[in-house]
Amino acid sequence: MVLNIVQSSAKISTSDLMMEGRSLLQDVKVVGWDYYVYSFDGLLVFGLLFICTCAYLKKVPRLNKWLLSEKKGVWGVFYKAAVIGTRLHVPVALSCLVTGVYVLFIK
């Protein structure tokens, strides 16, 4: 039995999901964002995206004053990530490229 994901308006009953005494949902392996939270490469991707986003937000004047004004405490993490992203932009960019190639082609 194959479920067509494209047809979102179709109603699926529980009798359709039961197949030979097993639920079809038991056969589905979901690999999504929850998988990346528990792996080192997922943590690396999250860190790089966080640094790149904060560095971009530092270039926007209104967001720079609002989000990156605190240099200490919890909100200081955004400021420190923005400083890392702007001062080390070449290594961060190379790390993003290497991580992207790894995630797309090797993994």
PDB file of N, CA and C in Angstrom:
ATOM      1  N   MET A   1       0.844  -1.174   0.000  1.00  0.00           N
ATOM      2  CA  MET A   1       0.000   0.000   0.000  1.00  0.00           C
ATOM      3  C   MET A   1       0.888   1.235   0.000  1.00  0.00           C
ATOM      4  N   VAL A   2       0.655   2.137  -0.901  1.00  0.00           N
ATOM      5  CA  VAL A   2       1.456   3.344  -1.031  1.00  0.00           C
ATOM      6  C   VAL A   2       0.546   4.537  -0.787  1.00  0.00           C
ATOM      7  N   LEU A   3       0.976   5.423   0.111  1.00  0.00           N
ATOM      8  CA  LEU A   3       0.222   6.646   0.376  1.00  0.00           C
ATOM      9  C   LEU A   3       0.781   7.762  -0.482  1.00  0.00           C
ATOM     10  N   ASN A   4      -0.094   8.461  -1.136  1.00  0.00           N
ATOM     11  CA  ASN A   4       0.325   9.582  -1.952  1.00  0.00           C
ATOM     12  C   ASN A   4       0.312  10.835  -1.084  1.00  0.00           C
ATOM     13  N   ILE A   5       1.475  11.417  -0.826  1.00  0.00           N
ATOM     14  CA  ILE A   5       1.596  12.569   0.050  1.00  0.00           C
ATOM     15  C   ILE A   5       1.040  13.828  -0.609  1.00  0.00           C
ATOM     16  N   VAL A   6       1.043  13.872  -1.931  1.00  0.00           N
ATOM     17  CA  VAL A   6       0.629  15.065  -2.646  1.00  0.00           C
ATOM     18  C   VAL A   6      -0.851  15.346  -2.428  1.00  0.00           C
ATOM     19  N   GLN A   7      -1.666  14.317  -2.323  1.00  0.00           N
ATOM     20  CA  GLN A   7      -3.097  14.501  -2.147  1.00  0.00           C
ATOM     21  C   GLN A   7      -3.394  14.713  -0.668  1.00  0.00           C
ATOM     22  N   SER A   8      -3.354  15.953  -0.231  1.00  0.00           N
ATOM     23  CA  SER A   8      -3.561  16.256   1.178  1.00  0.00           C
ATOM     24  C   SER A   8      -5.037  16.298   1.537  1.00  0.00           C
ATOM     25  N   SER A   9      -5.943  16.401   0.546  1.00  0.00           N
ATOM     26  CA  SER A   9      -7.362  16.478   0.841  1.00  0.00           C
ATOM     27  C   SER A   9      -7.980  15.101   1.045  1.00  0.00           C
ATOM     28  N   ALA A  10      -7.246  14.048   0.742  1.00  0.00           N
ATOM     29  CA  ALA A  10      -7.791  12.703   0.891  1.00  0.00           C
ATOM     30  C   ALA A  10      -7.851  12.329   2.361  1.00  0.00           C
ATOM     31  N   LYS A  11      -8.983  11.724   2.773  1.00  0.00           N
ATOM     32  CA  LYS A  11      -9.168  11.269   4.153  1.00  0.00           C
ATOM     33  C   LYS A  11      -8.665   9.837   4.251  1.00  0.00           C
ATOM     34  N   ILE A  12      -7.873   9.569   5.280  1.00  0.00           N
ATOM     35  CA  ILE A  12      -7.338   8.234   5.497  1.00  0.00           C
ATOM     36  C   ILE A  12      -7.905   7.725   6.810  1.00  0.00           C
ATOM     37  N   SER A  13      -8.576   6.615   6.758  1.00  0.00           N
ATOM     38  CA  SER A  13      -9.150   6.059   7.975  1.00  0.00           C
ATOM     39  C   SER A  13      -8.156   5.115   8.628  1.00  0.00           C
ATOM     40  N   THR A  14      -8.471   4.717   9.870  1.00  0.00           N
ATOM     41  CA  THR A  14      -7.575   3.809  10.576  1.00  0.00           C
ATOM     42  C   THR A  14      -7.576   2.428   9.950  1.00  0.00           C
ATOM     43  N   SER A  15      -8.673   2.067   9.296  1.00  0.00           N
ATOM     44  CA  SER A  15      -8.685   0.763   8.632  1.00  0.00           C
ATOM     45  C   SER A  15      -7.755   0.751   7.424  1.00  0.00           C
ATOM     46  N   ASP A  16      -7.564   1.919   6.798  1.00  0.00           N
ATOM     47  CA  ASP A  16      -6.613   1.998   5.695  1.00  0.00           C
ATOM     48  C   ASP A  16      -5.180   1.896   6.193  1.00  0.00           C
ATOM     49  N   LEU A  17      -4.950   2.366   7.415  1.00  0.00           N
ATOM     50  CA  LEU A  17      -3.603   2.341   7.957  1.00  0.00           C
ATOM     51  C   LEU A  17      -3.205   0.973   8.492  1.00  0.00           C
ATOM     52  N   MET A  18      -4.188   0.143   8.797  1.00  0.00           N
ATOM     53  CA  MET A  18      -3.871  -1.189   9.315  1.00  0.00           C
ATOM     54  C   MET A  18      -3.560  -2.118   8.146  1.00  0.00           C
ATOM     55  N   MET A  19      -2.427  -2.772   8.199  1.00  0.00           N
ATOM     56  CA  MET A  19      -2.021  -3.637   7.110  1.00  0.00           C
ATOM     57  C   MET A  19      -1.385  -4.881   7.712  1.00  0.00           C
ATOM     58  N   GLU A  20      -2.053  -6.007   7.556  1.00  0.00           N
ATOM     59  CA  GLU A  20      -1.583  -7.294   8.055  1.00  0.00           C
ATOM     60  C   GLU A  20      -1.282  -7.247   9.547  1.00  0.00           C
ATOM     61  N   GLY A  21      -2.144  -6.622  10.308  1.00  0.00           N
ATOM     62  CA  GLY A  21      -1.994  -6.600  11.752  1.00  0.00           C
ATOM     63  C   GLY A  21      -1.018  -5.563  12.266  1.00  0.00           C
ATOM     64  N   ARG A  22      -0.347  -4.853  11.385  1.00  0.00           N
ATOM     65  CA  ARG A  22       0.600  -3.823  11.793  1.00  0.00           C
ATOM     66  C   ARG A  22       0.119  -2.480  11.293  1.00  0.00           C
ATOM     67  N   SER A  23       0.460  -1.480  11.992  1.00  0.00           N
ATOM     68  CA  SER A  23       0.141  -0.134  11.554  1.00  0.00           C
ATOM     69  C   SER A  23       1.170   0.289  10.504  1.00  0.00           C
ATOM     70  N   LEU A  24       0.701   0.971   9.492  1.00  0.00           N
ATOM     71  CA  LEU A  24       1.597   1.451   8.449  1.00  0.00           C
ATOM     72  C   LEU A  24       2.563   2.486   9.008  1.00  0.00           C
ATOM     73  N   LEU A  25       2.154   3.172  10.064  1.00  0.00           N
ATOM     74  CA  LEU A  25       3.012   4.182  10.657  1.00  0.00           C
ATOM     75  C   LEU A  25       4.248   3.574  11.306  1.00  0.00           C
ATOM     76  N   GLN A  26       4.205   2.293  11.636  1.00  0.00           N
ATOM     77  CA  GLN A  26       5.376   1.644  12.199  1.00  0.00           C
ATOM     78  C   GLN A  26       6.465   1.444  11.142  1.00  0.00           C
ATOM     79  N   ASP A  27       6.069   1.370   9.885  1.00  0.00           N
ATOM     80  CA  ASP A  27       7.019   1.148   8.809  1.00  0.00           C
ATOM     81  C   ASP A  27       7.667   2.442   8.317  1.00  0.00           C
ATOM     82  N   VAL A  28       7.140   3.579   8.709  1.00  0.00           N
ATOM     83  CA  VAL A  28       7.648   4.854   8.225  1.00  0.00           C
ATOM     84  C   VAL A  28       8.789   5.305   9.125  1.00  0.00           C
ATOM     85  N   LYS A  29       9.920   5.590   8.506  1.00  0.00           N
ATOM     86  CA  LYS A  29      11.062   6.123   9.241  1.00  0.00           C
ATOM     87  C   LYS A  29      11.155   7.605   8.939  1.00  0.00           C
ATOM     88  N   VAL A  30      11.006   8.403   9.954  1.00  0.00           N
ATOM     89  CA  VAL A  30      11.039   9.846   9.788  1.00  0.00           C
ATOM     90  C   VAL A  30      12.436  10.337  10.131  1.00  0.00           C
ATOM     91  N   VAL A  31      13.059  10.954   9.154  1.00  0.00           N
ATOM     92  CA  VAL A  31      14.364  11.573   9.371  1.00  0.00           C
ATOM     93  C   VAL A  31      14.160  13.051   9.110  1.00  0.00           C
ATOM     94  N   GLY A  32      14.043  13.809  10.173  1.00  0.00           N
ATOM     95  CA  GLY A  32      13.801  15.242  10.036  1.00  0.00           C
ATOM     96  C   GLY A  32      14.714  16.016  10.948  1.00  0.00           C
ATOM     97  N   TRP A  33      14.201  17.145  11.418  1.00  0.00           N
ATOM     98  CA  TRP A  33      15.008  18.017  12.265  1.00  0.00           C
ATOM     99  C   TRP A  33      15.347  17.362  13.596  1.00  0.00           C
ATOM    100  N   ASP A  34      14.477  16.470  14.079  1.00  0.00           N
ATOM    101  CA  ASP A  34      14.777  15.835  15.360  1.00  0.00           C
ATOM    102  C   ASP A  34      16.004  14.932  15.261  1.00  0.00           C
ATOM    103  N   TYR A  35      16.290  14.388  14.090  1.00  0.00           N
ATOM    104  CA  TYR A  35      17.491  13.575  13.909  1.00  0.00           C
ATOM    105  C   TYR A  35      18.743  14.436  14.003  1.00  0.00           C
ATOM    106  N   TYR A  36      18.696  15.626  13.439  1.00  0.00           N
ATOM    107  CA  TYR A  36      19.871  16.479  13.410  1.00  0.00           C
ATOM    108  C   TYR A  36      20.198  17.069  14.781  1.00  0.00           C
ATOM    109  N   VAL A  37      19.242  17.092  15.685  1.00  0.00           N
ATOM    110  CA  VAL A  37      19.501  17.644  17.011  1.00  0.00           C
ATOM    111  C   VAL A  37      20.467  16.755  17.777  1.00  0.00           C
ATOM    112  N   TYR A  38      20.411  15.463  17.558  1.00  0.00           N
ATOM    113  CA  TYR A  38      21.192  14.522  18.341  1.00  0.00           C
ATOM    114  C   TYR A  38      22.474  14.060  17.669  1.00  0.00           C
ATOM    115  N   SER A  39      22.892  14.703  16.615  1.00  0.00           N
ATOM    116  CA  SER A  39      24.125  14.306  15.953  1.00  0.00           C
ATOM    117  C   SER A  39      25.099  15.479  15.938  1.00  0.00           C
ATOM    118  N   PHE A  40      26.382  15.156  15.816  1.00  0.00           N
ATOM    119  CA  PHE A  40      27.404  16.198  15.820  1.00  0.00           C
ATOM    120  C   PHE A  40      27.305  17.076  14.579  1.00  0.00           C
ATOM    121  N   ASP A  41      27.046  16.463  13.428  1.00  0.00           N
ATOM    122  CA  ASP A  41      26.959  17.273  12.218  1.00  0.00           C
ATOM    123  C   ASP A  41      25.728  18.167  12.239  1.00  0.00           C
ATOM    124  N   GLY A  42      24.660  17.728  12.886  1.00  0.00           N
ATOM    125  CA  GLY A  42      23.493  18.592  13.036  1.00  0.00           C
ATOM    126  C   GLY A  42      23.769  19.772  13.936  1.00  0.00           C
ATOM    127  N   LEU A  43      24.535  19.523  15.000  1.00  0.00           N
ATOM    128  CA  LEU A  43      24.929  20.608  15.892  1.00  0.00           C
ATOM    129  C   LEU A  43      25.843  21.591  15.165  1.00  0.00           C
ATOM    130  N   LEU A  44      26.714  21.076  14.319  1.00  0.00           N
ATOM    131  CA  LEU A  44      27.602  21.931  13.530  1.00  0.00           C
ATOM    132  C   LEU A  44      26.810  22.779  12.537  1.00  0.00           C
ATOM    133  N   VAL A  45      25.820  22.184  11.877  1.00  0.00           N
ATOM    134  CA  VAL A  45      24.980  22.925  10.934  1.00  0.00           C
ATOM    135  C   VAL A  45      24.203  24.013  11.667  1.00  0.00           C
ATOM    136  N   PHE A  46      23.640  23.660  12.823  1.00  0.00           N
ATOM    137  CA  PHE A  46      22.896  24.659  13.603  1.00  0.00           C
ATOM    138  C   PHE A  46      23.806  25.813  14.024  1.00  0.00           C
ATOM    139  N   GLY A  47      25.001  25.497  14.493  1.00  0.00           N
ATOM    140  CA  GLY A  47      25.924  26.542  14.917  1.00  0.00           C
ATOM    141  C   GLY A  47      26.331  27.457  13.780  1.00  0.00           C
ATOM    142  N   LEU A  48      26.611  26.879  12.627  1.00  0.00           N
ATOM    143  CA  LEU A  48      27.000  27.697  11.475  1.00  0.00           C
ATOM    144  C   LEU A  48      25.850  28.576  10.995  1.00  0.00           C
ATOM    145  N   LEU A  49      24.640  28.015  10.968  1.00  0.00           N
ATOM    146  CA  LEU A  49      23.488  28.821  10.565  1.00  0.00           C
ATOM    147  C   LEU A  49      23.214  29.936  11.564  1.00  0.00           C
ATOM    148  N   PHE A  50      23.410  29.659  12.850  1.00  0.00           N
ATOM    149  CA  PHE A  50      23.206  30.671  13.879  1.00  0.00           C
ATOM    150  C   PHE A  50      24.225  31.798  13.741  1.00  0.00           C
ATOM    151  N   ILE A  51      25.474  31.449  13.512  1.00  0.00           N
ATOM    152  CA  ILE A  51      26.526  32.458  13.349  1.00  0.00           C
ATOM    153  C   ILE A  51      26.279  33.293  12.093  1.00  0.00           C
ATOM    154  N   CYS A  52      25.926  32.643  11.003  1.00  0.00           N
ATOM    155  CA  CYS A  52      25.681  33.380   9.750  1.00  0.00           C
ATOM    156  C   CYS A  52      24.468  34.291   9.867  1.00  0.00           C
ATOM    157  N   THR A  53      23.423  33.820  10.549  1.00  0.00           N
ATOM    158  CA  THR A  53      22.225  34.638  10.718  1.00  0.00           C
ATOM    159  C   THR A  53      22.511  35.853  11.590  1.00  0.00           C
ATOM    160  N   CYS A  54      23.225  35.660  12.677  1.00  0.00           N
ATOM    161  CA  CYS A  54      23.552  36.792  13.552  1.00  0.00           C
ATOM    162  C   CYS A  54      24.472  37.783  12.858  1.00  0.00           C
ATOM    163  N   ALA A  55      25.403  37.294  12.047  1.00  0.00           N
ATOM    164  CA  ALA A  55      26.281  38.202  11.304  1.00  0.00           C
ATOM    165  C   ALA A  55      25.484  39.004  10.283  1.00  0.00           C
ATOM    166  N   TYR A  56      24.485  38.376   9.661  1.00  0.00           N
ATOM    167  CA  TYR A  56      23.632  39.106   8.718  1.00  0.00           C
ATOM    168  C   TYR A  56      22.791  40.138   9.452  1.00  0.00           C
ATOM    169  N   LEU A  57      22.244  39.757  10.610  1.00  0.00           N
ATOM    170  CA  LEU A  57      21.406  40.687  11.364  1.00  0.00           C
ATOM    171  C   LEU A  57      22.203  41.874  11.887  1.00  0.00           C
ATOM    172  N   LYS A  58      23.500  41.701  12.055  1.00  0.00           N
ATOM    173  CA  LYS A  58      24.342  42.812  12.504  1.00  0.00           C
ATOM    174  C   LYS A  58      24.443  43.891  11.429  1.00  0.00           C
ATOM    175  N   LYS A  59      24.268  43.517  10.178  1.00  0.00           N
ATOM    176  CA  LYS A  59      24.353  44.479   9.077  1.00  0.00           C
ATOM    177  C   LYS A  59      23.056  45.277   8.908  1.00  0.00           C
ATOM    178  N   VAL A  60      21.953  44.818   9.509  1.00  0.00           N
ATOM    179  CA  VAL A  60      20.674  45.531   9.417  1.00  0.00           C
ATOM    180  C   VAL A  60      20.606  46.506  10.596  1.00  0.00           C
ATOM    181  N   PRO A  61      20.550  47.824  10.336  1.00  0.00           N
ATOM    182  CA  PRO A  61      20.674  48.803  11.427  1.00  0.00           C
ATOM    183  C   PRO A  61      19.613  48.685  12.521  1.00  0.00           C
ATOM    184  N   ARG A  62      18.362  48.516  12.155  1.00  0.00           N
ATOM    185  CA  ARG A  62      17.310  48.445  13.180  1.00  0.00           C
ATOM    186  C   ARG A  62      17.437  47.187  14.030  1.00  0.00           C
ATOM    187  N   LEU A  63      17.738  46.079  13.392  1.00  0.00           N
ATOM    188  CA  LEU A  63      17.883  44.831  14.143  1.00  0.00           C
ATOM    189  C   LEU A  63      19.168  44.818  14.953  1.00  0.00           C
ATOM    190  N   ASN A  64      20.182  45.523  14.486  1.00  0.00           N
ATOM    191  CA  ASN A  64      21.435  45.600  15.219  1.00  0.00           C
ATOM    192  C   ASN A  64      21.219  46.302  16.563  1.00  0.00           C
ATOM    193  N   LYS A  65      20.476  47.403  16.550  1.00  0.00           N
ATOM    194  CA  LYS A  65      20.210  48.122  17.789  1.00  0.00           C
ATOM    195  C   LYS A  65      19.282  47.334  18.713  1.00  0.00           C
ATOM    196  N   TRP A  66      18.341  46.617  18.138  1.00  0.00           N
ATOM    197  CA  TRP A  66      17.340  45.930  18.947  1.00  0.00           C
ATOM    198  C   TRP A  66      17.850  44.597  19.490  1.00  0.00           C
ATOM    199  N   LEU A  67      18.446  43.785  18.640  1.00  0.00           N
ATOM    200  CA  LEU A  67      18.802  42.418  19.020  1.00  0.00           C
ATOM    201  C   LEU A  67      20.234  42.303  19.536  1.00  0.00           C
ATOM    202  N   LEU A  68      21.129  43.078  18.990  1.00  0.00           N
ATOM    203  CA  LEU A  68      22.543  42.904  19.305  1.00  0.00           C
ATOM    204  C   LEU A  68      23.109  44.000  20.204  1.00  0.00           C
ATOM    205  N   SER A  69      22.246  44.708  20.922  1.00  0.00           N
ATOM    206  CA  SER A  69      22.737  45.783  21.781  1.00  0.00           C
ATOM    207  C   SER A  69      23.321  45.248  23.086  1.00  0.00           C
ATOM    208  N   GLU A  70      22.821  44.135  23.580  1.00  0.00           N
ATOM    209  CA  GLU A  70      23.330  43.548  24.826  1.00  0.00           C
ATOM    210  C   GLU A  70      24.584  42.741  24.532  1.00  0.00           C
ATOM    211  N   LYS A  71      25.622  42.958  25.334  1.00  0.00           N
ATOM    212  CA  LYS A  71      26.873  42.233  25.126  1.00  0.00           C
ATOM    213  C   LYS A  71      27.110  41.181  26.197  1.00  0.00           C
ATOM    214  N   LYS A  72      26.246  41.136  27.218  1.00  0.00           N
ATOM    215  CA  LYS A  72      26.372  40.161  28.293  1.00  0.00           C
ATOM    216  C   LYS A  72      25.044  39.464  28.497  1.00  0.00           C
ATOM    217  N   GLY A  73      25.092  38.322  29.147  1.00  0.00           N
ATOM    218  CA  GLY A  73      23.865  37.595  29.463  1.00  0.00           C
ATOM    219  C   GLY A  73      23.405  36.715  28.326  1.00  0.00           C
ATOM    220  N   VAL A  74      22.129  36.361  28.376  1.00  0.00           N
ATOM    221  CA  VAL A  74      21.561  35.455  27.371  1.00  0.00           C
ATOM    222  C   VAL A  74      21.541  36.117  26.001  1.00  0.00           C
ATOM    223  N   TRP A  75      21.155  37.378  25.946  1.00  0.00           N
ATOM    224  CA  TRP A  75      21.108  38.083  24.665  1.00  0.00           C
ATOM    225  C   TRP A  75      22.502  38.362  24.115  1.00  0.00           C
ATOM    226  N   GLY A  76      23.514  38.257  24.954  1.00  0.00           N
ATOM    227  CA  GLY A  76      24.880  38.448  24.502  1.00  0.00           C
ATOM    228  C   GLY A  76      25.374  37.344  23.590  1.00  0.00           C
ATOM    229  N   VAL A  77      24.702  36.198  23.602  1.00  0.00           N
ATOM    230  CA  VAL A  77      25.066  35.092  22.708  1.00  0.00           C
ATOM    231  C   VAL A  77      24.881  35.519  21.253  1.00  0.00           C
ATOM    232  N   PHE A  78      23.807  36.279  20.990  1.00  0.00           N
ATOM    233  CA  PHE A  78      23.573  36.768  19.629  1.00  0.00           C
ATOM    234  C   PHE A  78      24.690  37.725  19.208  1.00  0.00           C
ATOM    235  N   TYR A  79      25.084  38.603  20.117  1.00  0.00           N
ATOM    236  CA  TYR A  79      26.152  39.551  19.820  1.00  0.00           C
ATOM    237  C   TYR A  79      27.477  38.828  19.560  1.00  0.00           C
ATOM    238  N   LYS A  80      27.792  37.855  20.407  1.00  0.00           N
ATOM    239  CA  LYS A  80      29.054  37.134  20.256  1.00  0.00           C
ATOM    240  C   LYS A  80      29.083  36.315  18.968  1.00  0.00           C
ATOM    241  N   ALA A  81      27.945  35.727  18.600  1.00  0.00           N
ATOM    242  CA  ALA A  81      27.878  34.996  17.337  1.00  0.00           C
ATOM    243  C   ALA A  81      28.035  35.944  16.151  1.00  0.00           C
ATOM    244  N   ALA A  82      27.473  37.145  16.266  1.00  0.00           N
ATOM    245  CA  ALA A  82      27.621  38.126  15.185  1.00  0.00           C
ATOM    246  C   ALA A  82      29.065  38.584  15.055  1.00  0.00           C
ATOM    247  N   VAL A  83      29.748  38.747  16.181  1.00  0.00           N
ATOM    248  CA  VAL A  83      31.158  39.153  16.137  1.00  0.00           C
ATOM    249  C   VAL A  83      32.005  38.047  15.509  1.00  0.00           C
ATOM    250  N   ILE A  84      31.731  36.797  15.880  1.00  0.00           N
ATOM    251  CA  ILE A  84      32.458  35.672  15.270  1.00  0.00           C
ATOM    252  C   ILE A  84      32.211  35.630  13.770  1.00  0.00           C
ATOM    253  N   GLY A  85      30.968  35.838  13.373  1.00  0.00           N
ATOM    254  CA  GLY A  85      30.626  35.787  11.953  1.00  0.00           C
ATOM    255  C   GLY A  85      31.254  36.893  11.134  1.00  0.00           C
ATOM    256  N   THR A  86      31.410  38.078  11.729  1.00  0.00           N
ATOM    257  CA  THR A  86      31.988  39.180  10.962  1.00  0.00           C
ATOM    258  C   THR A  86      33.516  39.157  10.983  1.00  0.00           C
ATOM    259  N   ARG A  87      34.102  38.799  12.099  1.00  0.00           N
ATOM    260  CA  ARG A  87      35.573  38.794  12.169  1.00  0.00           C
ATOM    261  C   ARG A  87      36.180  37.578  11.475  1.00  0.00           C
ATOM    262  N   LEU A  88      35.526  36.460  11.566  1.00  0.00           N
ATOM    263  CA  LEU A  88      36.039  35.225  10.955  1.00  0.00           C
ATOM    264  C   LEU A  88      35.178  34.825   9.763  1.00  0.00           C
ATOM    265  N   HIS A  89      34.845  35.782   8.896  1.00  0.00           N
ATOM    266  CA  HIS A  89      33.916  35.498   7.809  1.00  0.00           C
ATOM    267  C   HIS A  89      34.481  34.500   6.799  1.00  0.00           C
ATOM    268  N   VAL A  90      35.766  34.510   6.559  1.00  0.00           N
ATOM    269  CA  VAL A  90      36.342  33.567   5.592  1.00  0.00           C
ATOM    270  C   VAL A  90      36.308  32.130   6.122  1.00  0.00           C
ATOM    271  N   PRO A  91      36.773  31.863   7.355  1.00  0.00           N
ATOM    272  CA  PRO A  91      36.661  30.480   7.857  1.00  0.00           C
ATOM    273  C   PRO A  91      35.221  30.009   8.027  1.00  0.00           C
ATOM    274  N   VAL A  92      34.315  30.922   8.407  1.00  0.00           N
ATOM    275  CA  VAL A  92      32.907  30.543   8.548  1.00  0.00           C
ATOM    276  C   VAL A  92      32.320  30.193   7.189  1.00  0.00           C
ATOM    277  N   ALA A  93      32.647  30.967   6.170  1.00  0.00           N
ATOM    278  CA  ALA A  93      32.146  30.682   4.823  1.00  0.00           C
ATOM    279  C   ALA A  93      32.691  29.351   4.297  1.00  0.00           C
ATOM    280  N   LEU A  94      33.964  29.097   4.522  1.00  0.00           N
ATOM    281  CA  LEU A  94      34.546  27.819   4.096  1.00  0.00           C
ATOM    282  C   LEU A  94      33.933  26.653   4.864  1.00  0.00           C
ATOM    283  N   SER A  95      33.681  26.857   6.148  1.00  0.00           N
ATOM    284  CA  SER A  95      33.034  25.807   6.937  1.00  0.00           C
ATOM    285  C   SER A  95      31.619  25.530   6.434  1.00  0.00           C
ATOM    286  N   CYS A  96      30.903  26.571   6.053  1.00  0.00           N
ATOM    287  CA  CYS A  96      29.553  26.384   5.492  1.00  0.00           C
ATOM    288  C   CYS A  96      29.612  25.600   4.190  1.00  0.00           C
ATOM    289  N   LEU A  97      30.576  25.910   3.336  1.00  0.00           N
ATOM    290  CA  LEU A  97      30.709  25.183   2.073  1.00  0.00           C
ATOM    291  C   LEU A  97      31.058  23.710   2.304  1.00  0.00           C
ATOM    292  N   VAL A  98      32.002  23.462   3.187  1.00  0.00           N
ATOM    293  CA  VAL A  98      32.407  22.076   3.465  1.00  0.00           C
ATOM    294  C   VAL A  98      31.267  21.295   4.100  1.00  0.00           C
ATOM    295  N   THR A  99      30.558  21.920   5.034  1.00  0.00           N
ATOM    296  CA  THR A  99      29.433  21.251   5.685  1.00  0.00           C
ATOM    297  C   THR A  99      28.309  20.993   4.686  1.00  0.00           C
ATOM    298  N   GLY A 100      28.061  21.944   3.790  1.00  0.00           N
ATOM    299  CA  GLY A 100      27.031  21.751   2.767  1.00  0.00           C
ATOM    300  C   GLY A 100      27.359  20.606   1.836  1.00  0.00           C
ATOM    301  N   VAL A 101      28.603  20.510   1.412  1.00  0.00           N
ATOM    302  CA  VAL A 101      29.013  19.387   0.543  1.00  0.00           C
ATOM    303  C   VAL A 101      28.894  18.072   1.300  1.00  0.00           C
ATOM    304  N   TYR A 102      29.279  18.074   2.559  1.00  0.00           N
ATOM    305  CA  TYR A 102      29.187  16.847   3.363  1.00  0.00           C
ATOM    306  C   TYR A 102      27.737  16.388   3.524  1.00  0.00           C
ATOM    307  N   VAL A 103      26.845  17.319   3.872  1.00  0.00           N
ATOM    308  CA  VAL A 103      25.444  16.964   4.105  1.00  0.00           C
ATOM    309  C   VAL A 103      24.757  16.535   2.817  1.00  0.00           C
ATOM    310  N   LEU A 104      25.056  17.239   1.714  1.00  0.00           N
ATOM    311  CA  LEU A 104      24.359  16.934   0.459  1.00  0.00           C
ATOM    312  C   LEU A 104      24.885  15.700  -0.257  1.00  0.00           C
ATOM    313  N   PHE A 105      26.191  15.499  -0.252  1.00  0.00           N
ATOM    314  CA  PHE A 105      26.751  14.449  -1.104  1.00  0.00           C
ATOM    315  C   PHE A 105      27.332  13.263  -0.343  1.00  0.00           C
ATOM    316  N   ILE A 106      27.908  13.478   0.802  1.00  0.00           N
ATOM    317  CA  ILE A 106      28.592  12.381   1.501  1.00  0.00           C
ATOM    318  C   ILE A 106      27.660  11.656   2.456  1.00  0.00           C
ATOM    319  N   LYS A 107      26.868  12.387   3.180  1.00  0.00           N
ATOM    320  CA  LYS A 107      26.011  11.774   4.193  1.00  0.00           C
ATOM    321  C   LYS A 107      24.866  11.027   3.589  1.00  0.00           C
TER     322      LYS A 107
END
